[in-house]
Amino acid sequence: MSASVPRLVVAAPSSGSGKTTVATGLMAAFAARGLAVSPHKVGPDYIDPGYHALATGRVGRNLDAYLCGPELVGPLFLHGARGCDIAVVEGVMGLYDGAAGEGELASTAHVAKLLRAPVVLVVDASSQSRSVAALVHGFASWDPEVRVGGVILNKVASDRHEELLREALEQAGVPVLGVLRRVPQVDTPSRHLGLVPVAERHAAAVEAVAAMAAQVSEGCDLDALAGLARSAGTLSGAAWDAAEAVSSPPPPLPFPSSMGCAPATPPEGSAPGAPGRPERPRPQTPDRPVVAVAGGEAFTFSYAEHTELLTAAGADVVTFDPLRDEELPDGTAGLVIGGGFPEVYASELSANEPLRKAVAELAAGGAPVAAECAGLLYLCRELDGLPMCGVLDAGARMTERLTLGYRDAVAVGDSVLAAAGTRMRGHEFHRTVVEPGSGTEPAWGVRTPRPRVEGFVERGVHASYLHTHWASEPGVARRFVERCRTS
């Protein structure tokens, strides 16, 4: 089976060059032309896809060759792009920057090659003229398998500056597909972990996306960019399907023979395994347990595939807002609390005592609870001195130190998510610390950047700092839903 979806990868020599402005603006500009646009983001970023969703009206999806493995990049892309006229993929960091110590793995260039997609290089031209040709030539020629199909020049000062840049780039043989002038920065405020998520500033975010679209429409050759997208190579293989994934999970990711941490036993056979608020679920039945998923402004980090896998595994998935809802959804049999910014909303989360008690009672009863990063903090006894759910006998607090990076992990023992020995890859991204960092039964043994154990497995609770992508190990969703049926 093969498919050909017109597509572009928007990359840059380094972070801060204007990738998000160009990619989001391009998505919105194409959508304004009546095209169905599929938005994607390279890497584990949760925030940019929210802006992509505003620009296109479709769920923003991540393509991460480290978390999911290179073999899933194409199928996940085709899943997200199904029925679309064009796809825009925003890169991560610099074009050739990937997972530390892993060569090209998970870089924008790697994903572009896996997708057989042309690259548009966004260059901050604010402090150069003729040197831009050497810069672009270097990026275009570094890897012959990466096709840099054009350049968009950002922060160009004047007509004369543009003329000098174009003259230089003629010698590099890479066409200029857009020129964006120096303008007041589009209102996309940042804080300690990057841009402020869309859910926290929806009206302002809509205005920001509209401004990006106007800037790109005025400064870029949309027809030429669409033509370049149509030149992408044909992708072979089928689109990823959640129902197929939970019934026949793909082979495990390749891992080093030794994780350098707590010993792991082989997996125990085949263990059973979005924006807006959905309708309240049907009354729970033994066959379709209700899985409550935290949402709202405090918990905005999630991959769309997680909900799709839970649904395919037989759950009724219902979103609730821990800032506002004083009860869990009717019939809740399991709870998933992903990432986000509980530290920003600690006072409001703490003030919602009825919900904190409901979460604690659910966990005390042995119901399956899966918590990642922000979810871990919410389950702690306290966060920055404010009472949280008290499910875990641990305290959390903000720090100045950023913890960031990919992680190789192995399940130390059995839990509601994984059998002992299950190997997954994760990502950490936080400025908080939990003390102690692990329970009597840790969640994961982590090999990088140093051998350690982390997280908590208590009763039906699995809580950890690691963000994981369940598409890489669909048995996680299957096992969780089965535990919801039987707990």
Protein backbone atom coordinates (compact mmCIF):
# COMPACT_ATOMS: atom_id res chain seq x y z
CA MET A 1 0.00 0.00 0.00
CA SER A 2 1.28 3.50 -0.78
CA ALA A 3 0.06 7.05 -0.29
CA SER A 4 1.13 10.45 -1.50
CA VAL A 5 0.11 13.36 0.72
CA PRO A 6 1.66 16.69 -0.33
CA ARG A 7 3.89 17.73 2.56
CA LEU A 8 6.59 20.13 3.72
CA VAL A 9 8.97 20.10 6.66
CA VAL A 10 9.68 23.55 8.12
CA ALA A 11 13.19 23.57 9.63
CA ALA A 12 15.85 26.06 10.68
CA PRO A 13 19.58 26.23 11.41
CA SER A 14 18.82 26.70 15.12
CA SER A 15 16.08 27.35 17.62
CA GLY A 16 14.74 30.88 17.66
CA SER A 17 14.91 31.35 13.89
CA GLY A 18 11.14 31.59 13.43
CA LYS A 19 10.05 27.99 12.73
CA THR A 20 6.88 28.17 14.81
CA THR A 21 5.77 31.47 13.27
CA VAL A 22 6.35 30.22 9.73
CA ALA A 23 4.94 26.71 10.24
CA THR A 24 1.82 27.88 12.11
CA GLY A 25 1.30 30.78 9.73
CA LEU A 26 1.69 28.49 6.74
CA MET A 27 -0.83 26.02 8.16
CA ALA A 28 -3.35 28.81 8.73
CA ALA A 29 -2.71 30.38 5.32
CA PHE A 30 -3.28 27.09 3.52
CA ALA A 31 -6.40 26.46 5.60
CA ALA A 32 -7.71 29.91 4.65
CA ARG A 33 -7.47 28.79 1.02
CA GLY A 34 -9.92 26.02 1.80
CA LEU A 35 -7.37 23.23 2.07
CA ALA A 36 -7.61 20.49 4.69
CA VAL A 37 -4.25 20.87 6.43
CA SER A 38 -2.65 18.17 8.57
CA PRO A 39 -0.43 19.68 11.31
CA HIS A 40 2.57 17.84 12.75
CA LYS A 41 5.46 18.57 15.10
CA VAL A 42 8.81 16.79 15.23
CA GLY A 43 9.79 15.70 18.74
CA PRO A 44 8.03 15.55 22.10
CA ASP A 45 6.75 19.15 22.21
CA TYR A 46 3.16 19.43 23.51
CA ILE A 47 2.65 23.19 23.22
CA ASP A 48 3.26 23.97 19.53
CA PRO A 49 0.65 21.38 18.42
CA GLY A 50 -1.98 23.40 20.29
CA TYR A 51 -1.25 26.40 18.07
CA HIS A 52 -1.21 24.11 15.03
CA ALA A 53 -4.68 22.86 15.98
CA LEU A 54 -5.98 26.43 16.12
CA ALA A 55 -4.48 27.13 12.69
CA THR A 56 -5.97 24.07 11.00
CA GLY A 57 -8.99 22.92 12.98
CA ARG A 58 -7.39 19.47 13.28
CA VAL A 59 -5.54 17.76 16.13
CA GLY A 60 -1.83 18.60 16.16
CA ARG A 61 0.22 15.40 16.19
CA ASN A 62 3.82 14.61 17.10
CA LEU A 63 6.31 12.62 15.05
CA ASP A 64 9.06 11.37 17.35
CA ALA A 65 11.51 8.80 16.01
CA TYR A 66 13.04 8.33 19.47
CA LEU A 67 9.88 7.75 21.50
CA CYS A 68 8.05 5.71 18.86
CA GLY A 69 10.87 4.34 16.72
CA PRO A 70 11.64 5.31 13.11
CA GLU A 71 9.34 2.59 11.78
CA LEU A 72 6.24 4.34 13.19
CA VAL A 73 6.94 7.85 11.87
CA GLY A 74 5.42 7.18 8.44
CA PRO A 75 2.35 5.26 9.69
CA LEU A 76 1.60 7.88 12.38
CA PHE A 77 1.97 10.64 9.80
CA LEU A 78 -0.43 8.91 7.41
CA HIS A 79 -2.88 8.40 10.28
CA GLY A 80 -2.92 12.11 11.07
CA ALA A 81 -2.94 13.20 7.41
CA ARG A 82 -5.76 10.88 6.35
CA GLY A 83 -8.22 12.83 4.16
CA CYS A 84 -6.05 15.97 4.03
CA ASP A 85 -4.96 18.03 1.02
CA ILE A 86 -1.57 19.02 2.42
CA ALA A 87 0.56 18.50 5.53
CA VAL A 88 2.97 20.87 7.26
CA VAL A 89 5.54 19.44 9.68
CA GLU A 90 7.28 21.82 12.08
CA GLY A 91 10.80 20.74 12.97
CA VAL A 92 12.60 20.81 16.30
CA MET A 93 15.75 22.77 17.23
CA GLY A 94 18.25 22.96 14.35
CA LEU A 95 17.72 20.80 11.26
CA TYR A 96 20.35 18.21 12.19
CA ASP A 97 19.95 18.29 16.00
CA GLY A 98 18.70 14.95 17.35
CA ALA A 99 18.76 12.84 20.49
CA ALA A 100 22.02 13.39 22.39
CA GLY A 101 24.63 10.81 21.51
CA GLU A 102 22.35 9.09 18.96
CA GLY A 103 23.51 10.68 15.70
CA GLU A 104 20.65 11.82 13.50
CA LEU A 105 17.99 9.91 15.47
CA ALA A 106 14.85 12.02 16.07
CA SER A 107 16.27 15.09 14.32
CA THR A 108 14.18 17.09 11.88
CA ALA A 109 16.45 15.85 9.10
CA HIS A 110 15.84 12.24 10.14
CA VAL A 111 12.06 12.69 10.13
CA ALA A 112 12.19 14.51 6.77
CA LYS A 113 14.02 11.52 5.27
CA LEU A 114 11.57 9.06 6.80
CA LEU A 115 8.70 11.07 5.29
CA ARG A 116 10.48 11.62 1.95
CA ALA A 117 9.53 15.26 2.37
CA PRO A 118 11.22 18.43 1.08
CA VAL A 119 12.55 20.86 3.67
CA VAL A 120 11.94 24.61 3.81
CA LEU A 121 14.74 26.29 5.76
CA VAL A 122 13.76 29.32 7.85
CA VAL A 123 16.82 31.57 8.26
CA ASP A 124 17.12 34.49 10.65
CA ALA A 125 18.82 36.97 8.33
CA SER A 126 18.89 39.88 10.77
CA SER A 127 22.69 40.04 11.14
CA GLN A 128 23.99 38.89 7.77
CA SER A 129 23.93 39.48 4.05
CA ARG A 130 26.21 37.49 1.71
CA SER A 131 27.09 35.02 4.48
CA VAL A 132 23.56 33.65 4.22
CA ALA A 133 24.64 31.79 1.07
CA ALA A 134 27.38 29.90 2.92
CA LEU A 135 25.00 29.05 5.74
CA VAL A 136 22.29 27.73 3.42
CA HIS A 137 24.81 25.90 1.22
CA GLY A 138 26.17 24.12 4.28
CA PHE A 139 22.77 22.96 5.46
CA ALA A 140 21.66 21.96 1.97
CA SER A 141 24.79 19.92 1.22
CA TRP A 142 25.51 18.35 4.63
CA ASP A 143 23.33 15.29 4.00
CA PRO A 144 22.58 14.47 0.33
CA GLU A 145 19.46 12.55 1.41
CA VAL A 146 17.91 15.72 2.87
CA ARG A 147 16.36 17.88 0.14
CA VAL A 148 16.29 21.56 1.06
CA GLY A 149 13.76 22.79 -1.47
CA GLY A 150 13.70 26.45 -0.53
CA VAL A 151 14.47 29.16 1.99
CA ILE A 152 12.26 31.61 3.87
CA LEU A 153 14.24 34.60 5.07
CA ASN A 154 13.10 35.99 8.42
CA LYS A 155 13.70 39.39 10.04
CA VAL A 156 14.77 41.11 6.82
CA ALA A 157 15.38 44.81 7.47
CA SER A 158 14.69 46.56 4.14
CA ASP A 159 14.34 46.24 0.38
CA ARG A 160 18.10 46.68 0.03
CA HIS A 161 18.78 43.98 2.62
CA GLU A 162 16.43 41.64 0.76
CA GLU A 163 18.19 42.39 -2.52
CA LEU A 164 21.61 41.51 -1.06
CA LEU A 165 20.27 38.27 0.42
CA ARG A 166 18.63 37.19 -2.83
CA GLU A 167 21.78 37.91 -4.84
CA ALA A 168 23.83 35.78 -2.47
CA LEU A 169 21.37 32.89 -2.50
CA GLU A 170 21.30 32.74 -6.28
CA GLN A 171 24.84 31.38 -6.04
CA ALA A 172 23.75 28.75 -3.51
CA GLY A 173 21.14 27.40 -5.92
CA VAL A 174 18.35 27.32 -3.32
CA PRO A 175 15.22 29.32 -4.21
CA VAL A 176 13.85 31.98 -1.91
CA LEU A 177 10.21 31.11 -1.21
CA GLY A 178 9.47 33.86 1.24
CA VAL A 179 10.75 37.02 2.92
CA LEU A 180 9.43 38.14 6.30
CA ARG A 181 10.29 41.65 7.44
CA ARG A 182 11.23 42.72 10.91
CA VAL A 183 7.94 43.38 12.65
CA PRO A 184 6.86 43.53 16.27
CA GLN A 185 6.90 39.98 17.56
CA VAL A 186 3.62 38.12 17.34
CA ASP A 187 2.12 37.85 20.82
CA THR A 188 3.15 34.35 21.89
CA PRO A 189 4.28 34.76 25.51
CA SER A 190 6.66 32.28 27.10
CA ARG A 191 7.49 31.14 30.62
CA HIS A 192 9.65 28.49 32.31
CA LEU A 193 8.88 25.62 29.89
CA GLY A 194 8.32 27.53 26.64
CA LEU A 195 5.24 29.09 25.06
CA VAL A 196 2.11 29.48 27.16
CA PRO A 197 -0.33 26.76 26.00
CA VAL A 198 -3.35 27.67 23.90
CA ALA A 199 -5.78 26.45 26.57
CA GLU A 200 -4.56 29.16 28.93
CA ARG A 201 -4.97 32.08 26.49
CA HIS A 202 -7.41 30.95 23.85
CA ALA A 203 -8.65 34.35 22.61
CA ALA A 204 -5.15 35.83 22.49
CA ALA A 205 -3.85 32.66 20.84
CA VAL A 206 -6.46 32.93 18.09
CA GLU A 207 -5.29 36.48 17.41
CA ALA A 208 -1.65 35.37 17.40
CA VAL A 209 -2.32 32.62 14.86
CA ALA A 210 -4.22 35.07 12.65
CA ALA A 211 -1.24 37.45 12.79
CA MET A 212 1.14 34.63 11.82
CA ALA A 213 -1.11 33.71 8.90
CA ALA A 214 -1.21 37.30 7.67
CA GLN A 215 2.57 37.65 7.91
CA VAL A 216 3.20 34.43 6.00
CA SER A 217 0.52 35.10 3.38
CA GLU A 218 1.99 38.52 2.65
CA GLY A 219 5.64 37.48 2.61
CA CYS A 220 5.65 33.95 1.15
CA ASP A 221 4.90 32.42 -2.23
CA LEU A 222 2.13 30.04 -1.19
CA ASP A 223 1.74 28.63 -4.69
CA ALA A 224 5.43 27.75 -4.88
CA LEU A 225 5.34 26.22 -1.40
CA ALA A 226 2.29 24.12 -2.32
CA GLY A 227 4.09 23.02 -5.48
CA LEU A 228 7.13 21.99 -3.45
CA ALA A 229 4.85 20.01 -1.11
CA ARG A 230 3.44 18.13 -4.09
CA SER A 231 6.96 17.04 -5.04
CA ALA A 232 7.28 14.86 -1.91
CA GLY A 233 7.97 11.19 -2.55
CA THR A 234 5.38 8.46 -2.20
CA LEU A 235 5.19 6.78 1.21
CA SER A 236 4.70 3.04 1.24
CA GLY A 237 2.88 1.20 3.98
CA ALA A 238 -0.41 1.62 5.80
CA ALA A 239 -1.59 4.34 8.15
CA TRP A 240 -1.37 3.58 11.85
CA ASP A 241 -4.64 2.33 13.29
CA ALA A 242 -5.36 2.27 17.02
CA ALA A 243 -7.62 -0.78 16.85
CA GLU A 244 -5.02 -2.79 14.95
CA ALA A 245 -2.29 -1.56 17.30
CA VAL A 246 -3.99 -2.76 20.49
CA SER A 247 -4.75 -6.15 18.95
CA SER A 248 -1.27 -6.73 17.53
CA PRO A 249 1.39 -4.41 19.00
CA PRO A 250 4.49 -3.70 16.90
CA PRO A 251 7.92 -5.16 17.75
CA PRO A 252 9.61 -3.49 20.75
CA LEU A 253 12.03 -0.63 20.26
CA PRO A 254 15.71 -1.60 20.06
CA PHE A 255 17.43 -1.03 23.40
CA PRO A 256 20.95 -1.60 24.70
CA SER A 257 21.45 -5.08 26.14
CA SER A 258 22.05 -3.62 29.59
CA MET A 259 20.06 -0.72 30.98
CA GLY A 260 22.63 -0.16 33.69
CA CYS A 261 20.00 -0.05 36.43
CA ALA A 262 17.72 -2.40 38.32
CA PRO A 263 17.66 -5.85 36.73
CA ALA A 264 14.74 -6.56 34.42
CA THR A 265 12.95 -9.83 33.86
CA PRO A 266 11.53 -10.73 30.45
CA PRO A 267 8.01 -9.45 29.75
CA GLU A 268 5.36 -11.86 31.02
CA GLY A 269 3.92 -12.96 27.72
CA SER A 270 1.18 -10.87 26.13
CA ALA A 271 -0.25 -9.03 29.10
CA PRO A 272 -3.74 -7.57 28.62
CA GLY A 273 -3.11 -4.82 27.97
CA ALA A 274 -8.13 16.52 22.55
CA PRO A 275 -9.33 19.88 22.74
CA GLY A 276 -12.89 20.34 23.88
CA ARG A 277 -14.92 18.31 26.33
CA PRO A 278 -16.64 15.14 25.12
CA GLU A 279 -20.15 14.17 26.10
CA ARG A 280 -20.69 12.42 29.40
CA PRO A 281 -20.26 8.70 28.91
CA ARG A 282 -22.81 5.94 28.74
CA PRO A 283 -23.34 4.23 32.12
CA GLN A 284 -20.34 2.06 32.79
CA THR A 285 -20.59 -1.57 31.82
CA PRO A 286 -18.06 -4.28 32.62
CA ASP A 287 -17.08 -4.32 28.94
CA ARG A 288 -16.62 -0.55 28.54
CA PRO A 289 -15.14 0.97 31.69
CA VAL A 290 -15.04 4.75 32.04
CA VAL A 291 -11.51 6.19 31.96
CA ALA A 292 -11.32 9.78 33.17
CA VAL A 293 -8.58 11.91 31.56
CA ALA A 294 -7.48 15.17 33.20
CA GLY A 295 -7.70 18.26 30.98
CA GLY A 296 -8.25 22.00 31.28
CA GLU A 297 -5.59 24.65 31.64
CA ALA A 298 -3.51 22.79 34.23
CA PHE A 299 -3.16 19.53 32.27
CA THR A 300 -2.60 20.30 28.60
CA PHE A 301 0.16 17.81 27.75
CA SER A 302 -1.15 14.70 26.03
CA TYR A 303 -0.79 12.78 22.79
CA ALA A 304 -3.99 12.24 20.82
CA GLU A 305 -3.01 8.63 20.21
CA HIS A 306 -3.34 7.83 23.93
CA THR A 307 -7.06 8.56 23.94
CA GLU A 308 -7.47 6.72 20.64
CA LEU A 309 -5.71 3.65 22.04
CA LEU A 310 -7.77 3.67 25.24
CA THR A 311 -10.97 3.89 23.20
CA ALA A 312 -9.82 1.13 20.85
CA ALA A 313 -8.98 -1.02 23.87
CA GLY A 314 -12.60 -0.76 24.98
CA ALA A 315 -12.84 2.26 27.29
CA ASP A 316 -15.24 5.18 27.35
CA VAL A 317 -12.84 8.12 27.67
CA VAL A 318 -14.16 11.27 29.37
CA THR A 319 -12.20 14.50 29.93
CA PHE A 320 -12.60 16.40 33.21
CA ASP A 321 -11.06 19.63 34.51
CA PRO A 322 -9.35 19.42 37.94
CA LEU A 323 -9.57 23.20 38.26
CA ARG A 324 -13.37 23.28 38.03
CA ASP A 325 -14.96 19.84 38.37
CA GLU A 326 -15.59 18.82 41.97
CA GLU A 327 -16.35 15.21 41.06
CA LEU A 328 -14.82 12.62 38.80
CA PRO A 329 -16.96 11.59 35.81
CA ASP A 330 -19.81 9.21 36.66
CA GLY A 331 -18.68 5.62 36.88
CA THR A 332 -14.95 6.36 36.70
CA ALA A 333 -13.04 3.08 36.78
CA GLY A 334 -9.61 4.43 35.87
CA LEU A 335 -7.79 7.74 35.84
CA VAL A 336 -5.14 9.19 33.49
CA ILE A 337 -3.42 12.45 34.49
CA GLY A 338 -0.90 13.66 31.93
CA GLY A 339 1.50 16.57 31.86
CA GLY A 340 0.96 20.29 32.14
CA PHE A 341 1.48 23.12 34.60
CA PRO A 342 0.07 22.27 38.04
CA GLU A 343 2.75 24.52 39.55
CA VAL A 344 1.11 27.52 37.86
CA TYR A 345 -2.32 26.52 39.16
CA ALA A 346 -1.30 25.04 42.51
CA SER A 347 -3.60 27.35 44.52
CA GLU A 348 -6.67 26.54 42.42
CA LEU A 349 -5.94 22.81 42.38
CA SER A 350 -5.44 22.81 46.12
CA ALA A 351 -8.65 24.78 46.68
CA ASN A 352 -10.68 22.11 44.88
CA GLU A 353 -10.74 19.87 47.93
CA PRO A 354 -13.74 17.75 46.87
CA LEU A 355 -11.97 16.56 43.74
CA ARG A 356 -8.68 15.96 45.56
CA LYS A 357 -10.54 13.71 47.99
CA ALA A 358 -12.33 11.93 45.16
CA VAL A 359 -8.99 11.17 43.46
CA ALA A 360 -7.52 9.94 46.74
CA GLU A 361 -10.52 7.68 47.38
CA LEU A 362 -10.37 6.25 43.86
CA ALA A 363 -6.69 5.43 44.25
CA ALA A 364 -7.17 4.01 47.75
CA GLY A 365 -9.75 1.64 46.33
CA GLY A 366 -7.17 0.17 43.97
CA ALA A 367 -8.49 1.67 40.74
CA PRO A 368 -5.89 2.04 37.95
CA VAL A 369 -4.27 5.50 37.94
CA ALA A 370 -1.61 6.53 35.39
CA ALA A 371 0.14 9.84 36.06
CA GLU A 372 2.94 11.54 34.12
CA CYS A 373 4.96 14.54 35.30
CA ALA A 374 2.22 17.06 36.18
CA GLY A 375 0.05 14.12 37.18
CA LEU A 376 2.80 12.92 39.49
CA LEU A 377 2.89 16.34 41.19
CA TYR A 378 -0.89 16.38 41.58
CA LEU A 379 -0.84 13.00 43.33
CA CYS A 380 1.80 14.13 45.83
CA ARG A 381 1.11 15.14 49.40
CA GLU A 382 1.88 18.78 48.60
CA LEU A 383 3.18 21.07 45.86
CA ASP A 384 5.11 24.16 46.94
CA GLY A 385 3.57 23.78 50.40
CA LEU A 386 -0.03 23.54 49.16
CA PRO A 387 -2.05 20.36 49.77
CA MET A 388 -2.54 18.11 46.74
CA CYS A 389 -4.27 14.72 46.52
CA GLY A 390 -2.03 12.91 49.02
CA VAL A 391 -2.08 9.66 47.06
CA LEU A 392 1.73 9.51 47.29
CA ASP A 393 3.70 10.19 50.46
CA ALA A 394 6.00 12.64 48.67
CA GLY A 395 6.40 16.39 48.40
CA ALA A 396 6.96 18.41 45.22
CA ARG A 397 8.41 21.87 44.72
CA MET A 398 9.57 24.20 41.97
CA THR A 399 13.31 24.65 41.38
CA GLU A 400 15.52 26.78 39.13
CA ARG A 401 17.01 23.71 37.47
CA LEU A 402 15.61 22.45 34.17
CA THR A 403 15.52 18.69 33.72
CA LEU A 404 15.28 17.91 30.02
CA GLY A 405 16.05 14.98 27.78
CA TYR A 406 15.17 11.61 26.32
CA ARG A 407 15.31 8.57 28.57
CA ASP A 408 15.64 4.81 28.06
CA ALA A 409 13.48 3.07 30.65
CA VAL A 410 12.47 -0.40 31.80
CA ALA A 411 9.57 -1.33 34.10
CA VAL A 412 11.14 -2.48 37.36
CA GLY A 413 8.04 -4.42 38.45
CA ASP A 414 4.49 -5.18 37.41
CA SER A 415 2.02 -2.29 37.32
CA VAL A 416 -1.30 -1.31 35.78
CA LEU A 417 0.63 -0.04 32.75
CA ALA A 418 3.34 -2.60 32.14
CA ALA A 419 4.68 -5.99 33.09
CA ALA A 420 8.12 -6.12 34.68
CA GLY A 421 10.79 -5.87 32.02
CA THR A 422 8.71 -3.84 29.57
CA ARG A 423 11.04 -1.41 27.85
CA MET A 424 9.94 2.02 26.68
CA ARG A 425 11.49 5.31 25.81
CA GLY A 426 10.45 8.50 27.54
CA HIS A 427 11.11 12.21 27.81
CA GLU A 428 11.60 14.44 30.86
CA PHE A 429 10.84 18.16 30.81
CA HIS A 430 10.29 19.93 34.14
CA ARG A 431 11.61 22.42 36.68
CA THR A 432 10.28 20.63 39.72
CA VAL A 433 11.60 17.98 42.07
CA VAL A 434 9.73 15.28 43.99
CA GLU A 435 11.15 14.04 47.31
CA PRO A 436 11.60 11.14 47.58
CA GLY A 437 12.15 10.57 43.86
CA SER A 438 10.88 7.01 43.95
CA GLY A 439 8.76 4.76 46.09
CA THR A 440 9.42 1.38 47.65
CA GLU A 441 8.36 0.00 44.27
CA PRO A 442 9.73 2.36 41.58
CA ALA A 443 8.00 2.81 38.24
CA TRP A 444 11.04 2.77 35.97
CA GLY A 445 14.70 1.94 35.89
CA VAL A 446 16.31 4.68 33.80
CA ARG A 447 19.64 4.24 32.00
CA THR A 448 20.31 7.82 30.85
CA PRO A 449 21.88 10.21 31.69
CA ARG A 450 22.82 8.12 34.74
CA PRO A 451 21.49 4.79 36.04
CA ARG A 452 18.70 5.33 38.56
CA VAL A 453 15.19 4.32 39.49
CA GLU A 454 12.32 6.78 39.59
CA GLY A 455 8.56 7.04 40.04
CA PHE A 456 6.03 5.17 42.13
CA VAL A 457 4.00 1.99 41.83
CA GLU A 458 1.51 1.69 44.69
CA ARG A 459 -1.72 -0.34 44.58
CA GLY A 460 -3.15 0.60 41.17
CA VAL A 461 -1.08 3.78 40.81
CA HIS A 462 1.73 4.25 38.27
CA ALA A 463 3.25 7.74 38.65
CA SER A 464 6.43 9.01 37.03
CA TYR A 465 8.15 12.06 35.58
CA LEU A 466 8.57 10.28 32.23
CA HIS A 467 6.35 11.23 29.31
CA THR A 468 5.90 8.18 27.11
CA HIS A 469 4.18 7.66 23.76
CA TRP A 470 1.87 4.67 24.00
CA ALA A 471 1.89 4.06 20.24
CA SER A 472 5.34 2.56 20.78
CA GLU A 473 3.88 -0.03 23.17
CA PRO A 474 0.09 -0.32 22.64
CA GLY A 475 -0.09 -3.08 25.23
CA VAL A 476 0.08 -0.29 27.83
CA ALA A 477 -3.42 0.89 26.88
CA ARG A 478 -4.76 -2.65 26.58
CA ARG A 479 -3.40 -3.61 30.00
CA PHE A 480 -4.72 -0.43 31.64
CA VAL A 481 -8.26 -0.89 30.30
CA GLU A 482 -8.30 -4.55 31.28
CA ARG A 483 -7.32 -3.57 34.83
CA CYS A 484 -10.16 -1.03 34.81
CA ARG A 485 -12.57 -3.86 34.00
CA THR A 486 -11.33 -6.12 36.77
CA SER A 487 -10.35 -3.78 39.62
